[in-house]
N, C-alpha and C. Protein backbone atom coordinates (compact mmCIF):
# COMPACT_ATOMS: atom_id res chain seq x y z
N UNK A 1 8.47 -8.75 -2.26
CA UNK A 1 8.74 -7.36 -1.92
C UNK A 1 7.62 -6.49 -2.48
N UNK A 2 7.79 -5.19 -2.45
CA UNK A 2 6.74 -4.26 -2.87
C UNK A 2 6.89 -3.91 -4.34
N UNK A 3 5.76 -3.61 -4.97
CA UNK A 3 5.77 -3.21 -6.38
C UNK A 3 5.52 -1.72 -6.55
N UNK A 4 4.85 -1.09 -5.57
CA UNK A 4 4.51 0.33 -5.67
C UNK A 4 4.85 1.02 -4.36
N UNK A 5 4.93 2.33 -4.42
CA UNK A 5 5.18 3.11 -3.21
C UNK A 5 4.02 2.99 -2.23
N UNK A 6 2.81 2.83 -2.75
CA UNK A 6 1.64 2.67 -1.87
C UNK A 6 1.72 1.36 -1.09
N UNK A 7 2.14 0.27 -1.75
CA UNK A 7 2.31 -1.01 -1.05
C UNK A 7 3.37 -0.89 0.04
N UNK A 8 4.48 -0.24 -0.29
CA UNK A 8 5.55 -0.05 0.69
C UNK A 8 5.07 0.79 1.86
N UNK A 9 4.33 1.87 1.59
CA UNK A 9 3.83 2.74 2.66
C UNK A 9 2.93 1.96 3.62
N UNK A 10 2.04 1.14 3.08
CA UNK A 10 1.16 0.34 3.93
C UNK A 10 1.97 -0.66 4.75
N UNK A 11 2.95 -1.31 4.13
CA UNK A 11 3.81 -2.25 4.85
C UNK A 11 4.55 -1.53 5.98
N UNK A 12 5.12 -0.38 5.68
CA UNK A 12 5.89 0.37 6.67
C UNK A 12 5.01 0.78 7.85
N UNK A 13 3.84 1.29 7.57
CA UNK A 13 2.90 1.69 8.62
C UNK A 13 2.46 0.48 9.44
N UNK A 14 2.09 -0.60 8.79
CA UNK A 14 1.59 -1.79 9.48
C UNK A 14 2.67 -2.51 10.29
N UNK A 15 3.93 -2.26 9.98
CA UNK A 15 5.04 -2.87 10.72
C UNK A 15 5.65 -1.92 11.74
N UNK A 16 4.86 -0.95 12.16
CA UNK A 16 5.20 -0.03 13.25
C UNK A 16 6.46 0.80 12.98
N UNK A 17 6.62 1.26 11.73
CA UNK A 17 7.66 2.21 11.36
C UNK A 17 9.07 1.75 11.77
N UNK A 18 9.54 0.65 11.22
CA UNK A 18 10.89 0.19 11.60
C UNK A 18 11.97 1.20 11.22
N UNK A 19 13.06 1.18 11.97
CA UNK A 19 14.21 2.05 11.69
C UNK A 19 15.34 1.22 11.11
N UNK A 20 15.95 1.72 10.04
CA UNK A 20 17.10 1.09 9.41
C UNK A 20 17.82 2.16 8.57
N UNK A 21 18.38 3.18 9.22
CA UNK A 21 19.00 4.27 8.46
C UNK A 21 20.30 3.84 7.78
N UNK A 22 20.48 4.24 6.53
CA UNK A 22 21.74 3.94 5.85
C UNK A 22 22.87 4.81 6.40
N UNK A 23 24.07 4.30 6.37
CA UNK A 23 25.21 5.07 6.89
C UNK A 23 25.60 6.20 5.95
N UNK A 24 25.18 6.15 4.71
CA UNK A 24 25.60 7.14 3.71
C UNK A 24 24.78 8.42 3.73
N UNK A 25 23.66 8.45 4.42
CA UNK A 25 22.80 9.63 4.37
C UNK A 25 22.49 10.15 5.77
N UNK A 26 23.29 11.11 6.24
CA UNK A 26 23.01 11.72 7.54
C UNK A 26 21.90 12.76 7.42
N UNK A 27 21.90 13.71 8.27
CA UNK A 27 20.87 14.75 8.28
C UNK A 27 21.11 15.75 7.15
N UNK A 28 20.00 16.13 6.49
CA UNK A 28 20.04 17.15 5.44
C UNK A 28 19.28 18.38 5.90
N UNK A 29 19.75 19.56 5.48
CA UNK A 29 19.12 20.82 5.87
C UNK A 29 18.90 21.68 4.65
N UNK A 30 17.73 22.30 4.59
CA UNK A 30 17.46 23.32 3.58
C UNK A 30 17.04 24.58 4.33
N UNK A 31 16.63 25.60 3.59
CA UNK A 31 16.17 26.84 4.24
C UNK A 31 14.91 26.62 5.07
N UNK A 32 14.15 25.57 4.77
CA UNK A 32 12.89 25.37 5.48
C UNK A 32 12.67 23.97 6.02
N UNK A 33 13.70 23.11 6.00
CA UNK A 33 13.50 21.77 6.55
C UNK A 33 14.79 21.13 7.01
N UNK A 34 14.61 20.17 7.88
CA UNK A 34 15.65 19.20 8.23
C UNK A 34 15.07 17.84 7.88
N UNK A 35 15.92 16.93 7.39
CA UNK A 35 15.43 15.59 7.09
C UNK A 35 16.53 14.57 7.32
N UNK A 36 16.08 13.33 7.52
CA UNK A 36 17.01 12.21 7.68
C UNK A 36 16.33 10.97 7.11
N UNK A 37 17.09 10.17 6.36
CA UNK A 37 16.58 8.90 5.86
C UNK A 37 16.61 7.93 7.05
N UNK A 38 15.42 7.43 7.42
CA UNK A 38 15.33 6.56 8.60
C UNK A 38 15.16 5.08 8.25
N UNK A 39 14.87 4.79 6.98
CA UNK A 39 14.73 3.40 6.57
C UNK A 39 15.03 3.31 5.08
N UNK A 40 15.81 2.31 4.70
CA UNK A 40 16.08 2.07 3.27
C UNK A 40 16.17 0.57 3.05
N UNK A 41 15.51 0.12 1.97
CA UNK A 41 15.56 -1.28 1.56
C UNK A 41 15.39 -1.31 0.06
N UNK A 42 16.45 -1.69 -0.64
CA UNK A 42 16.42 -1.68 -2.10
C UNK A 42 16.19 -0.28 -2.62
N UNK A 43 15.19 -0.11 -3.49
CA UNK A 43 14.87 1.19 -4.09
C UNK A 43 13.80 1.94 -3.30
N UNK A 44 13.49 1.48 -2.10
CA UNK A 44 12.47 2.09 -1.26
C UNK A 44 13.12 2.70 -0.03
N UNK A 45 12.61 3.85 0.40
CA UNK A 45 13.11 4.45 1.63
C UNK A 45 12.05 5.34 2.25
N UNK A 46 12.30 5.67 3.55
CA UNK A 46 11.45 6.60 4.29
C UNK A 46 12.35 7.70 4.81
N UNK A 47 11.92 8.94 4.58
CA UNK A 47 12.69 10.10 5.02
C UNK A 47 11.82 10.93 5.96
N UNK A 48 12.32 11.19 7.14
CA UNK A 48 11.60 11.97 8.15
C UNK A 48 11.93 13.44 7.95
N UNK A 49 10.88 14.27 7.82
CA UNK A 49 11.04 15.70 7.60
C UNK A 49 10.48 16.50 8.76
N UNK A 50 11.23 17.50 9.18
CA UNK A 50 10.76 18.54 10.10
C UNK A 50 10.73 19.83 9.30
N UNK A 51 9.55 20.44 9.20
CA UNK A 51 9.37 21.60 8.33
C UNK A 51 9.14 22.86 9.15
N UNK A 52 9.87 23.89 8.79
CA UNK A 52 9.87 25.16 9.51
C UNK A 52 8.50 25.82 9.50
N UNK A 53 8.12 26.46 10.60
CA UNK A 53 6.83 27.18 10.65
C UNK A 53 6.77 28.32 9.63
N UNK A 54 5.55 28.59 9.19
CA UNK A 54 5.23 29.75 8.35
C UNK A 54 6.08 29.84 7.08
N UNK A 55 6.14 28.74 6.34
CA UNK A 55 6.87 28.80 5.08
C UNK A 55 6.03 28.16 3.98
N UNK A 56 6.37 28.50 2.74
CA UNK A 56 5.71 27.94 1.56
C UNK A 56 6.76 27.33 0.66
N UNK A 57 6.40 26.22 0.04
CA UNK A 57 7.30 25.54 -0.89
C UNK A 57 6.56 25.43 -2.21
N UNK A 58 7.23 25.84 -3.29
CA UNK A 58 6.58 25.81 -4.60
C UNK A 58 7.25 24.86 -5.58
N UNK A 59 8.47 24.45 -5.35
CA UNK A 59 9.16 23.51 -6.24
C UNK A 59 9.14 22.15 -5.57
N UNK A 60 8.22 21.30 -6.01
CA UNK A 60 7.99 20.04 -5.32
C UNK A 60 8.23 18.80 -6.15
N UNK A 61 8.41 18.95 -7.45
CA UNK A 61 8.52 17.78 -8.32
C UNK A 61 9.90 17.15 -8.19
N UNK A 62 9.92 15.84 -8.01
CA UNK A 62 11.16 15.08 -7.94
C UNK A 62 11.11 14.02 -9.03
N UNK A 63 11.63 14.31 -10.21
CA UNK A 63 11.57 13.33 -11.31
C UNK A 63 12.24 12.02 -10.91
N UNK A 64 11.57 10.92 -11.20
CA UNK A 64 12.15 9.62 -10.92
C UNK A 64 11.89 9.11 -9.52
N UNK A 65 11.08 9.82 -8.73
CA UNK A 65 10.76 9.39 -7.37
C UNK A 65 9.24 9.41 -7.20
N UNK A 66 8.69 8.27 -6.81
CA UNK A 66 7.27 8.21 -6.45
C UNK A 66 7.20 8.33 -4.94
N UNK A 67 6.19 9.03 -4.41
CA UNK A 67 6.14 9.18 -2.96
C UNK A 67 4.72 9.25 -2.42
N UNK A 68 4.61 8.87 -1.17
CA UNK A 68 3.42 9.05 -0.34
C UNK A 68 3.89 9.77 0.91
N UNK A 69 2.97 10.40 1.60
CA UNK A 69 3.28 11.09 2.84
C UNK A 69 2.54 10.38 3.98
N UNK A 70 3.27 10.10 5.07
CA UNK A 70 2.62 9.66 6.30
C UNK A 70 2.65 10.86 7.23
N UNK A 71 1.47 11.37 7.55
CA UNK A 71 1.35 12.58 8.37
C UNK A 71 1.69 12.27 9.82
N UNK A 72 2.48 13.14 10.45
CA UNK A 72 2.78 13.01 11.86
C UNK A 72 2.07 14.09 12.66
N UNK A 73 2.44 15.35 12.44
CA UNK A 73 1.71 16.45 13.10
C UNK A 73 2.02 17.78 12.43
N UNK A 74 1.29 18.81 12.85
CA UNK A 74 1.51 20.15 12.31
C UNK A 74 0.40 20.58 11.38
N UNK A 75 0.66 21.70 10.74
CA UNK A 75 -0.32 22.30 9.83
C UNK A 75 0.24 22.31 8.41
N UNK A 76 -0.46 21.63 7.53
CA UNK A 76 -0.05 21.52 6.13
C UNK A 76 -1.26 21.85 5.25
N UNK A 77 -1.06 22.75 4.29
CA UNK A 77 -2.09 23.05 3.30
C UNK A 77 -1.46 22.84 1.93
N UNK A 78 -2.07 21.98 1.12
CA UNK A 78 -1.56 21.63 -0.20
C UNK A 78 -2.51 22.20 -1.25
N UNK A 79 -1.93 22.87 -2.26
CA UNK A 79 -2.72 23.50 -3.32
C UNK A 79 -2.43 22.85 -4.67
N UNK A 80 -3.50 22.63 -5.43
CA UNK A 80 -3.41 22.14 -6.80
C UNK A 80 -4.31 23.03 -7.65
N UNK A 81 -3.77 23.59 -8.71
CA UNK A 81 -4.52 24.52 -9.56
C UNK A 81 -5.14 25.65 -8.73
N UNK A 82 -4.38 26.14 -7.77
CA UNK A 82 -4.78 27.22 -6.87
C UNK A 82 -6.01 26.90 -6.02
N UNK A 83 -6.35 25.63 -5.88
CA UNK A 83 -7.44 25.18 -5.02
C UNK A 83 -6.83 24.30 -3.92
N UNK A 84 -7.41 24.36 -2.74
CA UNK A 84 -6.92 23.55 -1.62
C UNK A 84 -7.22 22.08 -1.91
N UNK A 85 -6.17 21.27 -1.89
CA UNK A 85 -6.29 19.83 -2.09
C UNK A 85 -6.38 19.11 -0.75
N UNK A 86 -5.46 19.46 0.17
CA UNK A 86 -5.46 18.95 1.54
C UNK A 86 -5.25 20.13 2.48
N UNK A 87 -5.89 20.11 3.62
CA UNK A 87 -5.66 21.13 4.65
C UNK A 87 -5.86 20.48 6.01
N UNK A 88 -4.78 20.42 6.79
CA UNK A 88 -4.85 19.77 8.11
C UNK A 88 -5.20 20.73 9.23
N UNK A 89 -5.35 22.02 8.93
CA UNK A 89 -5.48 23.06 9.95
C UNK A 89 -6.59 22.76 10.96
N UNK A 90 -7.78 22.45 10.50
CA UNK A 90 -8.91 22.25 11.42
C UNK A 90 -8.73 21.01 12.31
N UNK A 91 -7.96 20.04 11.84
CA UNK A 91 -7.80 18.80 12.60
C UNK A 91 -6.49 18.72 13.38
N UNK A 92 -5.65 19.73 13.25
CA UNK A 92 -4.34 19.70 13.89
C UNK A 92 -4.44 19.52 15.40
N UNK A 93 -5.38 20.20 16.03
CA UNK A 93 -5.51 20.15 17.49
C UNK A 93 -6.51 19.10 17.98
N UNK A 94 -7.18 18.38 17.06
CA UNK A 94 -8.13 17.34 17.46
C UNK A 94 -7.33 16.10 17.84
N UNK A 95 -7.50 15.65 19.10
CA UNK A 95 -6.67 14.56 19.62
C UNK A 95 -7.44 13.25 19.70
N UNK A 96 -6.67 12.18 19.56
CA UNK A 96 -7.21 10.84 19.80
C UNK A 96 -7.05 10.55 21.30
N UNK A 97 -7.52 9.39 21.72
CA UNK A 97 -7.35 8.97 23.11
C UNK A 97 -5.88 8.85 23.49
N UNK A 98 -5.02 8.60 22.51
CA UNK A 98 -3.58 8.48 22.76
C UNK A 98 -2.87 9.83 22.78
N UNK A 99 -3.59 10.92 22.48
CA UNK A 99 -3.01 12.25 22.50
C UNK A 99 -2.42 12.71 21.19
N UNK A 100 -2.54 11.90 20.13
CA UNK A 100 -2.03 12.30 18.82
C UNK A 100 -3.13 12.96 18.01
N UNK A 101 -2.74 13.63 16.95
CA UNK A 101 -3.70 14.21 16.01
C UNK A 101 -4.52 13.08 15.39
N UNK A 102 -5.78 13.36 15.08
CA UNK A 102 -6.60 12.36 14.40
C UNK A 102 -6.05 12.02 13.01
N UNK A 103 -5.18 12.87 12.48
CA UNK A 103 -4.56 12.60 11.18
C UNK A 103 -3.25 11.83 11.30
N UNK A 104 -2.76 11.63 12.51
CA UNK A 104 -1.50 10.92 12.72
C UNK A 104 -1.52 9.56 12.01
N UNK A 105 -0.48 9.29 11.26
CA UNK A 105 -0.27 8.01 10.60
C UNK A 105 -1.16 7.82 9.36
N UNK A 106 -1.86 8.86 8.93
CA UNK A 106 -2.65 8.77 7.71
C UNK A 106 -1.72 8.90 6.50
N UNK A 107 -2.01 8.13 5.46
CA UNK A 107 -1.19 8.14 4.25
C UNK A 107 -1.88 9.01 3.19
N UNK A 108 -1.12 9.94 2.62
CA UNK A 108 -1.61 10.80 1.55
C UNK A 108 -0.76 10.55 0.31
N UNK A 109 -1.39 10.29 -0.82
CA UNK A 109 -0.66 10.18 -2.08
C UNK A 109 -0.20 11.57 -2.45
N UNK A 110 1.03 11.68 -2.89
CA UNK A 110 1.60 13.00 -3.14
C UNK A 110 2.42 12.95 -4.42
N UNK A 111 1.91 13.56 -5.47
CA UNK A 111 2.65 13.69 -6.71
C UNK A 111 3.05 15.14 -6.86
N UNK A 112 4.29 15.45 -6.57
CA UNK A 112 4.76 16.83 -6.61
C UNK A 112 4.57 17.51 -7.94
N UNK A 113 4.48 16.73 -9.03
CA UNK A 113 4.27 17.32 -10.34
C UNK A 113 2.89 17.93 -10.50
N UNK A 114 1.96 17.52 -9.65
CA UNK A 114 0.59 18.03 -9.73
C UNK A 114 0.31 19.13 -8.71
N UNK A 115 1.25 19.42 -7.86
CA UNK A 115 1.04 20.34 -6.74
C UNK A 115 1.64 21.71 -7.08
N UNK A 116 0.88 22.78 -6.80
CA UNK A 116 1.37 24.15 -7.02
C UNK A 116 2.20 24.65 -5.85
N UNK A 117 1.71 24.37 -4.63
CA UNK A 117 2.34 24.97 -3.44
C UNK A 117 1.92 24.17 -2.21
N UNK A 118 2.83 24.14 -1.24
CA UNK A 118 2.52 23.59 0.08
C UNK A 118 2.89 24.64 1.11
N UNK A 119 1.94 24.97 2.00
CA UNK A 119 2.18 25.92 3.09
C UNK A 119 2.25 25.16 4.40
N UNK A 120 3.17 25.57 5.26
CA UNK A 120 3.30 25.02 6.61
C UNK A 120 2.93 26.12 7.59
N UNK A 121 2.05 25.80 8.53
CA UNK A 121 1.47 26.78 9.44
C UNK A 121 2.40 27.27 10.53
N UNK A 122 1.86 27.99 11.50
CA UNK A 122 2.66 28.64 12.54
C UNK A 122 3.39 27.68 13.47
N UNK A 123 3.01 26.42 13.48
CA UNK A 123 3.72 25.43 14.29
C UNK A 123 4.61 24.53 13.44
N UNK A 124 4.66 24.77 12.15
CA UNK A 124 5.44 23.91 11.27
C UNK A 124 4.74 22.57 11.10
N UNK A 125 5.51 21.56 10.73
CA UNK A 125 4.93 20.23 10.53
C UNK A 125 6.03 19.19 10.55
N UNK A 126 5.63 17.95 10.78
CA UNK A 126 6.54 16.83 10.60
C UNK A 126 5.79 15.73 9.86
N UNK A 127 6.53 15.04 9.01
CA UNK A 127 5.94 13.99 8.19
C UNK A 127 7.02 13.01 7.77
N UNK A 128 6.57 11.85 7.31
CA UNK A 128 7.47 10.87 6.72
C UNK A 128 7.17 10.80 5.23
N UNK A 129 8.19 11.02 4.42
CA UNK A 129 8.07 10.87 2.98
C UNK A 129 8.47 9.44 2.64
N UNK A 130 7.51 8.65 2.17
CA UNK A 130 7.75 7.26 1.79
C UNK A 130 8.02 7.26 0.29
N UNK A 131 9.17 6.74 -0.10
CA UNK A 131 9.66 6.95 -1.47
C UNK A 131 10.03 5.66 -2.18
N UNK A 132 9.78 5.64 -3.48
CA UNK A 132 10.29 4.61 -4.38
C UNK A 132 11.11 5.32 -5.44
N UNK A 133 12.40 5.01 -5.49
CA UNK A 133 13.31 5.65 -6.44
C UNK A 133 13.45 4.77 -7.67
N UNK A 134 13.36 5.38 -8.85
CA UNK A 134 13.53 4.64 -10.09
C UNK A 134 14.98 4.20 -10.23
N UNK A 135 15.21 3.17 -11.02
CA UNK A 135 16.53 2.52 -11.09
C UNK A 135 17.66 3.41 -11.58
N UNK A 136 17.38 4.43 -12.35
CA UNK A 136 18.44 5.23 -12.96
C UNK A 136 18.89 6.41 -12.09
N UNK A 137 18.42 6.48 -10.85
CA UNK A 137 18.75 7.61 -9.98
C UNK A 137 19.51 7.10 -8.74
N UNK A 138 20.61 7.76 -8.41
CA UNK A 138 21.34 7.42 -7.19
C UNK A 138 20.52 7.86 -5.99
N UNK A 139 20.32 6.94 -5.06
CA UNK A 139 19.49 7.24 -3.90
C UNK A 139 20.23 8.12 -2.91
N UNK A 140 19.52 9.12 -2.41
CA UNK A 140 20.02 10.04 -1.41
C UNK A 140 18.79 10.65 -0.73
N UNK A 141 18.89 11.86 -0.25
CA UNK A 141 17.75 12.56 0.32
C UNK A 141 16.96 13.26 -0.79
N UNK A 142 15.64 13.33 -0.63
CA UNK A 142 14.85 14.11 -1.59
C UNK A 142 15.27 15.57 -1.58
N UNK A 143 15.74 16.05 -0.44
CA UNK A 143 16.22 17.44 -0.34
C UNK A 143 17.38 17.69 -1.28
N UNK A 144 18.16 16.66 -1.53
CA UNK A 144 19.35 16.80 -2.36
C UNK A 144 19.08 16.49 -3.82
N UNK A 145 17.96 15.83 -4.11
CA UNK A 145 17.64 15.45 -5.46
C UNK A 145 17.59 16.66 -6.39
N UNK A 146 18.23 16.56 -7.52
CA UNK A 146 18.28 17.69 -8.47
C UNK A 146 16.88 18.18 -8.82
N UNK A 147 16.69 19.47 -8.77
CA UNK A 147 15.43 20.07 -9.14
C UNK A 147 14.39 20.05 -8.04
N UNK A 148 14.75 19.62 -6.84
CA UNK A 148 13.77 19.54 -5.76
C UNK A 148 14.21 20.38 -4.58
N UNK A 149 13.31 21.21 -4.11
CA UNK A 149 13.53 21.94 -2.87
C UNK A 149 12.40 21.58 -1.94
N UNK A 150 12.73 21.17 -0.73
CA UNK A 150 11.71 20.84 0.24
C UNK A 150 11.87 21.77 1.43
């Protein structure tokens, strides 16, 4: 099995994003997102997020959860120490031969403890949060995790 969230993210991507949603976690809603856990195996899971246009999120740390992001589409700008860390804006409309964004399916390491703010542009965004939950935490949605707002 996998030892890190990065190993799991690569496996998930290379296996064409299998679906295996748990029955215990339906759709979650916050003021700026909808999400659903679409795959769970042991302490690893993938949560699909749809993020509302023109919003900013500043509380991103989820203690006890390691995560990577698989980009799907939209506009996302990530800030660390008030400097832009990632910005998909210029590449959002750049298409591949298949019609997807050139950033589609790219994996970004994401440590919410190091991030100041994430902005979602006028079209919003969608992404998959690939997660490894530590043993002492009951698995659910990251949206529901104590101290985390997405």
